[in-house]
């Protein structure tokens, strides 16, 4: 059985992660969504940017269900898009910059332990907290070129567009 590793250690390559996002207004019933519709789902939030290291908040599917991950969201929507990505595919992304240079290995997926409100790590406040992780390499320091970050987000969106579905809430 998979267990969360030490804080900031790599998530195993064979894991599937989920990212929750706002569903496009025109999300089709056949679940086929274009990558361009998912671009905003891979922008770092203010809280993500302030992380150490900055990271895009994701969840390891084997430890956290989409419903459990939803409980951690600050902004709740009636329809939430569940985006599923494979860790090995994320790490294999090669970014392209404006000068036609290729940049492999910019993205990684690390365990990012959540802290309770009093700052203590590992408090079991909500079910699924052990599955929290982060995609690193999308911030200004890791990828200083704006075109590089845009390309990385576009490639993540392309991967996610192949495996996503809606999660409904009351």
N, C-alpha and C. Protein backbone atom coordinates (compact mmCIF):
# COMPACT_ATOMS: atom_id res chain seq x y z
N UNK A 1 0.84 -1.19 0.00
CA UNK A 1 0.00 0.00 0.00
C UNK A 1 0.88 1.25 0.00
N UNK A 2 0.49 2.23 -0.78
CA UNK A 2 1.23 3.47 -0.89
C UNK A 2 1.06 4.30 0.38
N UNK A 3 2.14 4.89 0.83
CA UNK A 3 2.09 5.80 1.97
C UNK A 3 2.79 7.09 1.61
N UNK A 4 2.33 8.17 2.19
CA UNK A 4 2.97 9.46 2.01
C UNK A 4 4.39 9.38 2.56
N UNK A 5 5.33 9.90 1.80
CA UNK A 5 6.73 9.88 2.21
C UNK A 5 7.06 11.16 2.97
N UNK A 6 8.32 11.36 3.23
CA UNK A 6 8.76 12.57 3.93
C UNK A 6 8.43 13.82 3.12
N UNK A 7 8.22 14.90 3.83
CA UNK A 7 7.93 16.20 3.23
C UNK A 7 8.99 16.55 2.18
N UNK A 8 8.53 16.94 1.00
CA UNK A 8 9.35 17.37 -0.14
C UNK A 8 10.15 16.24 -0.79
N UNK A 9 9.80 15.00 -0.51
CA UNK A 9 10.40 13.87 -1.21
C UNK A 9 9.57 13.60 -2.47
N UNK A 10 10.19 13.05 -3.52
CA UNK A 10 9.44 12.80 -4.76
C UNK A 10 8.31 11.77 -4.58
N UNK A 11 7.20 12.05 -5.22
CA UNK A 11 6.09 11.10 -5.29
C UNK A 11 6.52 10.03 -6.31
N UNK A 12 6.25 8.74 -6.06
CA UNK A 12 6.65 7.70 -7.01
C UNK A 12 6.11 7.93 -8.42
N UNK A 13 6.91 7.55 -9.41
CA UNK A 13 6.55 7.74 -10.82
C UNK A 13 5.24 7.06 -11.21
N UNK A 14 4.92 5.94 -10.59
CA UNK A 14 3.75 5.17 -11.02
C UNK A 14 2.44 5.65 -10.39
N UNK A 15 2.46 6.81 -9.76
CA UNK A 15 1.24 7.34 -9.12
C UNK A 15 0.43 8.18 -10.10
N UNK A 16 -0.86 8.23 -9.82
CA UNK A 16 -1.78 9.12 -10.52
C UNK A 16 -2.13 10.23 -9.54
N UNK A 17 -2.12 11.47 -10.01
CA UNK A 17 -2.51 12.59 -9.16
C UNK A 17 -3.77 13.24 -9.71
N UNK A 18 -4.45 13.97 -8.85
CA UNK A 18 -5.62 14.72 -9.29
C UNK A 18 -5.42 16.19 -8.95
N UNK A 19 -5.95 17.01 -9.81
CA UNK A 19 -5.99 18.46 -9.62
C UNK A 19 -7.45 18.84 -9.77
N UNK A 20 -7.95 19.65 -8.86
CA UNK A 20 -9.33 20.11 -8.95
C UNK A 20 -9.36 21.51 -9.55
N UNK A 21 -10.32 21.75 -10.40
CA UNK A 21 -10.44 23.06 -11.04
C UNK A 21 -11.89 23.38 -11.33
N UNK A 22 -12.11 24.60 -11.73
CA UNK A 22 -13.45 25.04 -12.11
C UNK A 22 -13.76 24.49 -13.50
N UNK A 23 -14.92 23.89 -13.63
CA UNK A 23 -15.32 23.33 -14.92
C UNK A 23 -15.63 24.45 -15.91
N UNK A 24 -15.23 24.27 -17.17
CA UNK A 24 -15.62 25.26 -18.19
C UNK A 24 -17.14 25.32 -18.28
N UNK A 25 -17.66 26.50 -18.58
CA UNK A 25 -19.12 26.67 -18.66
C UNK A 25 -19.73 25.75 -19.70
N UNK A 26 -18.97 25.45 -20.73
CA UNK A 26 -19.49 24.64 -21.82
C UNK A 26 -18.93 23.21 -21.78
N UNK A 27 -18.75 22.67 -20.57
CA UNK A 27 -18.20 21.32 -20.44
C UNK A 27 -19.16 20.34 -21.10
N UNK A 28 -18.69 19.60 -22.09
CA UNK A 28 -19.59 18.70 -22.83
C UNK A 28 -19.92 17.42 -22.07
N UNK A 29 -21.07 16.87 -22.39
CA UNK A 29 -21.51 15.63 -21.74
C UNK A 29 -20.60 14.45 -22.07
N UNK A 30 -19.95 14.48 -23.24
CA UNK A 30 -19.08 13.37 -23.61
C UNK A 30 -17.70 13.47 -22.96
N UNK A 31 -17.52 14.46 -22.10
CA UNK A 31 -16.30 14.66 -21.31
C UNK A 31 -15.07 15.02 -22.14
N UNK A 32 -15.25 15.29 -23.41
CA UNK A 32 -14.11 15.67 -24.23
C UNK A 32 -13.95 17.18 -24.12
N UNK A 33 -12.87 17.56 -23.49
CA UNK A 33 -12.60 18.97 -23.28
C UNK A 33 -11.27 19.29 -23.95
N UNK A 34 -11.18 20.47 -24.50
CA UNK A 34 -9.95 20.89 -25.15
C UNK A 34 -8.96 21.39 -24.11
N UNK A 35 -7.70 21.14 -24.36
CA UNK A 35 -6.65 21.58 -23.43
C UNK A 35 -6.71 23.07 -23.19
N UNK A 36 -7.05 23.84 -24.22
CA UNK A 36 -7.10 25.30 -24.09
C UNK A 36 -8.13 25.73 -23.05
N UNK A 37 -9.16 24.90 -22.82
CA UNK A 37 -10.18 25.21 -21.83
C UNK A 37 -9.67 25.00 -20.40
N UNK A 38 -8.54 24.32 -20.25
CA UNK A 38 -8.02 23.97 -18.93
C UNK A 38 -6.82 24.80 -18.50
N UNK A 39 -6.40 25.73 -19.32
CA UNK A 39 -5.19 26.50 -19.03
C UNK A 39 -5.17 27.13 -17.65
N UNK A 40 -6.27 27.70 -17.22
CA UNK A 40 -6.32 28.38 -15.92
C UNK A 40 -6.22 27.40 -14.75
N UNK A 41 -6.50 26.14 -14.99
CA UNK A 41 -6.44 25.14 -13.92
C UNK A 41 -5.02 24.89 -13.43
N UNK A 42 -4.03 25.36 -14.18
CA UNK A 42 -2.64 25.10 -13.82
C UNK A 42 -1.88 26.38 -13.46
N UNK A 43 -2.62 27.45 -13.16
CA UNK A 43 -2.01 28.67 -12.63
C UNK A 43 -1.81 28.50 -11.13
N UNK A 44 -0.68 28.97 -10.63
CA UNK A 44 -0.43 28.92 -9.19
C UNK A 44 -1.31 29.94 -8.48
N UNK A 45 -1.95 29.52 -7.40
CA UNK A 45 -2.72 30.44 -6.57
C UNK A 45 -1.73 31.26 -5.73
N UNK A 46 -2.22 32.27 -5.06
CA UNK A 46 -1.37 33.05 -4.16
C UNK A 46 -0.77 32.15 -3.09
N UNK A 47 -1.58 31.26 -2.54
CA UNK A 47 -1.10 30.35 -1.52
C UNK A 47 -0.04 29.39 -2.08
N UNK A 48 -0.27 28.91 -3.32
CA UNK A 48 0.71 28.05 -3.98
C UNK A 48 2.05 28.77 -4.16
N UNK A 49 1.99 30.03 -4.56
CA UNK A 49 3.21 30.82 -4.78
C UNK A 49 3.99 31.04 -3.48
N UNK A 50 3.25 31.11 -2.36
CA UNK A 50 3.89 31.35 -1.07
C UNK A 50 4.44 30.08 -0.44
N UNK A 51 4.17 28.93 -1.03
CA UNK A 51 4.66 27.66 -0.49
C UNK A 51 6.18 27.59 -0.54
N UNK A 52 6.73 26.70 0.26
CA UNK A 52 8.18 26.51 0.25
C UNK A 52 8.49 25.05 -0.02
N UNK A 53 8.75 24.71 -1.27
CA UNK A 53 8.89 25.57 -2.46
C UNK A 53 7.51 25.89 -3.05
N UNK A 54 7.46 26.91 -3.91
CA UNK A 54 6.21 27.19 -4.60
C UNK A 54 5.77 25.93 -5.37
N UNK A 55 4.48 25.61 -5.32
CA UNK A 55 3.99 24.39 -5.96
C UNK A 55 2.52 24.50 -6.29
N UNK A 56 2.11 23.77 -7.31
CA UNK A 56 0.71 23.65 -7.68
C UNK A 56 0.12 22.52 -6.84
N UNK A 57 -0.89 22.82 -6.06
CA UNK A 57 -1.48 21.85 -5.14
C UNK A 57 -2.21 20.74 -5.90
N UNK A 58 -1.81 19.48 -5.62
CA UNK A 58 -2.43 18.31 -6.22
C UNK A 58 -2.59 17.24 -5.14
N UNK A 59 -3.23 16.14 -5.50
CA UNK A 59 -3.51 15.07 -4.55
C UNK A 59 -3.18 13.73 -5.19
N UNK A 60 -2.55 12.84 -4.45
CA UNK A 60 -2.26 11.50 -4.94
C UNK A 60 -3.55 10.68 -4.80
N UNK A 61 -4.01 10.20 -5.94
CA UNK A 61 -5.31 9.54 -6.04
C UNK A 61 -5.43 8.30 -5.14
N UNK A 62 -4.34 7.61 -4.89
CA UNK A 62 -4.38 6.41 -4.06
C UNK A 62 -4.62 6.72 -2.58
N UNK A 63 -4.38 7.96 -2.17
CA UNK A 63 -4.53 8.34 -0.76
C UNK A 63 -5.65 9.33 -0.50
N UNK A 64 -6.09 10.02 -1.54
CA UNK A 64 -7.11 11.06 -1.37
C UNK A 64 -8.11 10.96 -2.51
N UNK A 65 -9.38 10.83 -2.18
CA UNK A 65 -10.42 10.82 -3.20
C UNK A 65 -10.70 12.26 -3.65
N UNK A 66 -11.29 12.44 -4.82
CA UNK A 66 -11.66 13.79 -5.24
C UNK A 66 -12.58 14.49 -4.23
N UNK A 67 -13.49 13.72 -3.62
CA UNK A 67 -14.40 14.31 -2.63
C UNK A 67 -13.64 14.81 -1.41
N UNK A 68 -12.63 14.05 -0.97
CA UNK A 68 -11.80 14.47 0.16
C UNK A 68 -10.99 15.72 -0.20
N UNK A 69 -10.43 15.73 -1.40
CA UNK A 69 -9.65 16.90 -1.85
C UNK A 69 -10.53 18.14 -1.91
N UNK A 70 -11.77 17.96 -2.36
CA UNK A 70 -12.71 19.07 -2.46
C UNK A 70 -12.93 19.74 -1.10
N UNK A 71 -12.92 18.95 -0.03
CA UNK A 71 -13.14 19.48 1.31
C UNK A 71 -12.06 20.49 1.72
N UNK A 72 -10.89 20.41 1.09
CA UNK A 72 -9.80 21.33 1.41
C UNK A 72 -9.89 22.65 0.64
N UNK A 73 -10.72 22.72 -0.39
CA UNK A 73 -10.81 23.93 -1.21
C UNK A 73 -11.42 25.08 -0.43
N UNK A 74 -10.87 26.26 -0.65
CA UNK A 74 -11.44 27.47 -0.02
C UNK A 74 -12.63 27.97 -0.82
N UNK A 75 -12.54 27.91 -2.14
CA UNK A 75 -13.62 28.35 -3.01
C UNK A 75 -14.37 27.13 -3.50
N UNK A 76 -15.63 27.05 -3.18
CA UNK A 76 -16.43 25.89 -3.54
C UNK A 76 -17.30 26.21 -4.75
N UNK A 77 -17.40 25.26 -5.66
CA UNK A 77 -18.24 25.39 -6.85
C UNK A 77 -19.20 24.20 -6.89
N UNK A 78 -20.36 24.40 -7.50
CA UNK A 78 -21.31 23.30 -7.61
C UNK A 78 -20.78 22.21 -8.53
N UNK A 79 -20.01 22.61 -9.54
CA UNK A 79 -19.40 21.66 -10.44
C UNK A 79 -17.89 21.84 -10.38
N UNK A 80 -17.19 20.80 -10.02
CA UNK A 80 -15.74 20.84 -9.95
C UNK A 80 -15.18 19.85 -10.96
N UNK A 81 -14.18 20.29 -11.68
CA UNK A 81 -13.55 19.43 -12.65
C UNK A 81 -12.41 18.67 -11.98
N UNK A 82 -12.40 17.36 -12.13
CA UNK A 82 -11.34 16.51 -11.61
C UNK A 82 -10.41 16.17 -12.77
N UNK A 83 -9.17 16.61 -12.67
CA UNK A 83 -8.17 16.38 -13.71
C UNK A 83 -7.20 15.33 -13.20
N UNK A 84 -7.01 14.27 -13.97
CA UNK A 84 -6.12 13.20 -13.56
C UNK A 84 -4.88 13.18 -14.44
N UNK A 85 -3.71 13.10 -13.80
CA UNK A 85 -2.44 13.08 -14.52
C UNK A 85 -1.53 12.02 -13.92
N UNK A 86 -0.69 11.45 -14.74
CA UNK A 86 0.29 10.47 -14.29
C UNK A 86 1.59 11.19 -13.95
N UNK A 87 2.17 10.85 -12.81
CA UNK A 87 3.39 11.52 -12.34
C UNK A 87 4.53 11.36 -13.34
N UNK A 88 4.72 10.16 -13.89
CA UNK A 88 5.82 9.96 -14.83
C UNK A 88 5.66 10.81 -16.09
N UNK A 89 4.42 11.05 -16.52
CA UNK A 89 4.18 11.89 -17.69
C UNK A 89 4.48 13.36 -17.39
N UNK A 90 4.19 13.78 -16.16
CA UNK A 90 4.51 15.16 -15.77
C UNK A 90 6.02 15.38 -15.79
N UNK A 91 6.75 14.44 -15.21
CA UNK A 91 8.21 14.56 -15.16
C UNK A 91 8.84 14.49 -16.55
N UNK A 92 8.17 13.87 -17.49
CA UNK A 92 8.71 13.71 -18.84
C UNK A 92 8.48 14.94 -19.73
N UNK A 93 7.73 15.91 -19.25
CA UNK A 93 7.45 17.10 -20.06
C UNK A 93 8.74 17.85 -20.37
N UNK A 94 8.90 18.21 -21.64
CA UNK A 94 10.04 19.01 -22.10
C UNK A 94 9.46 20.35 -22.55
N UNK A 95 9.86 21.40 -21.88
CA UNK A 95 9.35 22.74 -22.21
C UNK A 95 10.15 23.33 -23.36
N UNK A 96 9.49 24.19 -24.13
CA UNK A 96 10.13 24.87 -25.25
C UNK A 96 10.05 26.37 -25.00
N UNK A 97 11.18 27.03 -25.11
CA UNK A 97 11.19 28.48 -24.89
C UNK A 97 11.12 29.20 -26.23
N UNK A 98 11.01 30.50 -26.17
CA UNK A 98 10.87 31.32 -27.36
C UNK A 98 12.05 31.21 -28.32
N UNK A 99 13.22 30.84 -27.84
CA UNK A 99 14.40 30.74 -28.70
C UNK A 99 14.62 29.31 -29.20
N UNK A 100 13.56 28.52 -29.24
CA UNK A 100 13.58 27.13 -29.72
C UNK A 100 14.50 26.21 -28.92
N UNK A 101 14.83 26.58 -27.71
CA UNK A 101 15.61 25.69 -26.84
C UNK A 101 14.66 24.77 -26.10
N UNK A 102 15.13 23.55 -25.85
CA UNK A 102 14.33 22.57 -25.11
C UNK A 102 14.83 22.50 -23.68
N UNK A 103 13.88 22.41 -22.73
CA UNK A 103 14.21 22.41 -21.31
C UNK A 103 13.53 21.21 -20.64
N UNK A 104 14.24 20.07 -20.56
CA UNK A 104 13.66 18.90 -19.89
C UNK A 104 13.81 18.99 -18.37
N UNK A 105 12.99 18.24 -17.67
CA UNK A 105 13.15 18.08 -16.23
C UNK A 105 12.83 19.28 -15.37
N UNK A 106 12.02 20.21 -15.86
CA UNK A 106 11.68 21.39 -15.06
C UNK A 106 10.61 21.09 -14.01
N UNK A 107 9.75 20.12 -14.30
CA UNK A 107 8.64 19.82 -13.39
C UNK A 107 8.95 18.59 -12.54
N UNK A 108 8.49 18.64 -11.31
CA UNK A 108 8.59 17.50 -10.42
C UNK A 108 7.32 17.44 -9.58
N UNK A 109 7.06 16.29 -8.98
CA UNK A 109 5.91 16.12 -8.09
C UNK A 109 6.46 15.64 -6.75
N UNK A 110 6.24 16.46 -5.72
CA UNK A 110 6.77 16.20 -4.38
C UNK A 110 5.64 16.09 -3.37
N UNK A 111 5.88 15.30 -2.31
CA UNK A 111 4.94 15.28 -1.19
C UNK A 111 5.03 16.64 -0.49
N UNK A 112 3.90 17.25 -0.25
CA UNK A 112 3.85 18.52 0.48
C UNK A 112 2.88 18.31 1.64
N UNK A 113 3.43 18.13 2.82
CA UNK A 113 2.59 17.88 3.99
C UNK A 113 1.83 19.13 4.38
N UNK A 114 0.59 18.94 4.71
CA UNK A 114 -0.25 20.04 5.17
C UNK A 114 -0.03 20.28 6.65
N UNK A 115 -0.12 21.52 7.06
CA UNK A 115 -0.01 21.87 8.48
C UNK A 115 -1.39 22.23 8.99
N UNK A 116 -1.62 21.97 10.25
CA UNK A 116 -2.89 22.36 10.86
C UNK A 116 -2.87 23.87 11.09
N UNK A 117 -3.96 24.40 11.56
CA UNK A 117 -4.03 25.85 11.78
C UNK A 117 -3.02 26.34 12.81
N UNK A 118 -2.63 25.47 13.74
CA UNK A 118 -1.63 25.90 14.72
C UNK A 118 -0.20 25.65 14.24
N UNK A 119 -0.08 25.22 12.94
CA UNK A 119 1.24 25.08 12.33
C UNK A 119 1.90 23.74 12.50
N UNK A 120 1.24 22.80 13.21
CA UNK A 120 1.85 21.49 13.40
C UNK A 120 1.59 20.62 12.18
N UNK A 121 2.67 20.01 11.68
CA UNK A 121 2.56 19.16 10.51
C UNK A 121 1.89 17.85 10.86
N UNK A 122 1.11 17.34 9.91
CA UNK A 122 0.56 16.00 10.05
C UNK A 122 -0.69 15.87 10.90
N UNK A 123 -1.35 16.96 11.21
CA UNK A 123 -2.58 16.85 11.98
C UNK A 123 -3.69 16.34 11.06
N UNK A 124 -4.37 15.31 11.48
CA UNK A 124 -5.42 14.70 10.68
C UNK A 124 -6.71 15.49 10.83
N UNK A 125 -6.73 16.69 10.26
CA UNK A 125 -7.91 17.54 10.36
C UNK A 125 -9.04 17.03 9.47
N UNK A 126 -8.71 16.59 8.29
CA UNK A 126 -9.69 16.09 7.34
C UNK A 126 -9.17 14.80 6.71
N UNK A 127 -10.09 13.92 6.38
CA UNK A 127 -9.68 12.70 5.68
C UNK A 127 -8.99 13.05 4.37
N UNK A 128 -7.97 12.30 4.03
CA UNK A 128 -7.29 12.50 2.76
C UNK A 128 -6.10 13.43 2.81
N UNK A 129 -5.79 14.00 3.98
CA UNK A 129 -4.71 14.99 4.05
C UNK A 129 -3.36 14.39 3.68
N UNK A 130 -3.18 13.09 3.89
CA UNK A 130 -1.88 12.45 3.62
C UNK A 130 -1.56 12.39 2.13
N UNK A 131 -2.53 12.57 1.26
CA UNK A 131 -2.29 12.51 -0.18
C UNK A 131 -1.88 13.81 -0.82
N UNK A 132 -1.71 14.87 -0.02
CA UNK A 132 -1.38 16.17 -0.61
C UNK A 132 0.04 16.18 -1.15
N UNK A 133 0.17 16.75 -2.35
CA UNK A 133 1.47 16.85 -3.01
C UNK A 133 1.48 18.15 -3.81
N UNK A 134 2.56 18.40 -4.50
CA UNK A 134 2.65 19.62 -5.30
C UNK A 134 3.51 19.41 -6.53
N UNK A 135 3.10 20.07 -7.62
CA UNK A 135 3.92 20.09 -8.83
C UNK A 135 4.81 21.32 -8.72
N UNK A 136 6.11 21.11 -8.73
CA UNK A 136 7.06 22.22 -8.66
C UNK A 136 7.61 22.53 -10.05
N UNK A 137 8.10 23.76 -10.20
CA UNK A 137 8.71 24.17 -11.46
C UNK A 137 7.86 25.14 -12.27
N UNK A 138 6.71 25.55 -11.74
CA UNK A 138 5.82 26.44 -12.48
C UNK A 138 5.91 27.90 -12.02
N UNK A 139 6.76 28.18 -11.05
CA UNK A 139 6.86 29.54 -10.50
C UNK A 139 7.92 30.35 -11.24
N UNK A 140 7.95 31.65 -10.95
CA UNK A 140 8.87 32.58 -11.61
C UNK A 140 10.34 32.26 -11.38
N UNK A 141 10.68 31.77 -10.19
CA UNK A 141 12.08 31.46 -9.90
C UNK A 141 12.54 30.19 -10.60
N UNK A 142 11.72 29.17 -10.60
CA UNK A 142 12.09 27.89 -11.23
C UNK A 142 12.13 28.00 -12.75
N UNK A 143 11.18 28.72 -13.31
CA UNK A 143 11.08 28.91 -14.76
C UNK A 143 10.92 30.40 -15.03
N UNK A 144 12.06 31.14 -15.09
CA UNK A 144 11.98 32.60 -15.19
C UNK A 144 11.34 33.14 -16.47
N UNK A 145 11.39 32.38 -17.55
CA UNK A 145 10.81 32.86 -18.80
C UNK A 145 9.30 32.64 -18.81
N UNK A 146 8.56 33.69 -19.10
CA UNK A 146 7.09 33.62 -19.13
C UNK A 146 6.62 32.58 -20.16
N UNK A 147 7.26 32.55 -21.33
CA UNK A 147 6.87 31.59 -22.37
C UNK A 147 7.10 30.14 -21.93
N UNK A 148 8.13 29.93 -21.14
CA UNK A 148 8.41 28.59 -20.61
C UNK A 148 7.28 28.14 -19.69
N UNK A 149 6.89 29.01 -18.76
CA UNK A 149 5.81 28.67 -17.82
C UNK A 149 4.50 28.43 -18.57
N UNK A 150 4.25 29.25 -19.58
CA UNK A 150 3.03 29.09 -20.37
C UNK A 150 3.04 27.75 -21.10
N UNK A 151 4.19 27.36 -21.64
CA UNK A 151 4.30 26.09 -22.34
C UNK A 151 4.12 24.92 -21.37
N UNK A 152 4.70 25.01 -20.18
CA UNK A 152 4.54 23.96 -19.18
C UNK A 152 3.08 23.78 -18.80
N UNK A 153 2.38 24.90 -18.56
CA UNK A 153 0.95 24.82 -18.21
C UNK A 153 0.13 24.25 -19.36
N UNK A 154 0.48 24.63 -20.59
CA UNK A 154 -0.25 24.12 -21.76
C UNK A 154 -0.06 22.61 -21.89
N UNK A 155 1.15 22.13 -21.63
CA UNK A 155 1.39 20.69 -21.73
C UNK A 155 0.69 19.92 -20.61
N UNK A 156 0.64 20.50 -19.42
CA UNK A 156 -0.12 19.88 -18.33
C UNK A 156 -1.61 19.81 -18.70
N UNK A 157 -2.12 20.89 -19.28
CA UNK A 157 -3.52 20.93 -19.69
C UNK A 157 -3.79 19.88 -20.77
N UNK A 158 -2.85 19.70 -21.68
CA UNK A 158 -3.00 18.68 -22.73
C UNK A 158 -3.09 17.28 -22.12
N UNK A 159 -2.22 16.99 -21.16
CA UNK A 159 -2.29 15.69 -20.48
C UNK A 159 -3.62 15.52 -19.74
N UNK A 160 -4.04 16.55 -19.03
CA UNK A 160 -5.26 16.48 -18.23
C UNK A 160 -6.52 16.38 -19.08
N UNK A 161 -6.48 16.95 -20.28
CA UNK A 161 -7.67 16.93 -21.14
C UNK A 161 -8.05 15.50 -21.55
N UNK A 162 -7.12 14.58 -21.43
CA UNK A 162 -7.37 13.19 -21.82
C UNK A 162 -8.10 12.41 -20.74
N UNK A 163 -8.10 12.93 -19.50
CA UNK A 163 -8.69 12.17 -18.41
C UNK A 163 -9.26 13.13 -17.36
N UNK A 164 -10.47 13.59 -17.59
CA UNK A 164 -11.11 14.49 -16.63
C UNK A 164 -12.60 14.20 -16.57
N UNK A 165 -13.21 14.58 -15.46
CA UNK A 165 -14.64 14.39 -15.29
C UNK A 165 -15.16 15.39 -14.27
N UNK A 166 -16.49 15.53 -14.22
CA UNK A 166 -17.12 16.46 -13.29
C UNK A 166 -17.45 15.79 -11.98
N UNK A 167 -17.28 16.56 -10.92
CA UNK A 167 -17.67 16.15 -9.58
C UNK A 167 -18.77 17.13 -9.16
N UNK A 168 -19.98 16.62 -8.86
CA UNK A 168 -21.09 17.48 -8.52
C UNK A 168 -21.25 17.59 -7.01
N UNK A 169 -21.67 18.77 -6.55
CA UNK A 169 -21.86 19.03 -5.13
C UNK A 169 -23.21 19.69 -4.92
N UNK A 170 -23.71 19.58 -3.72
CA UNK A 170 -24.99 20.22 -3.40
C UNK A 170 -24.76 21.53 -2.70
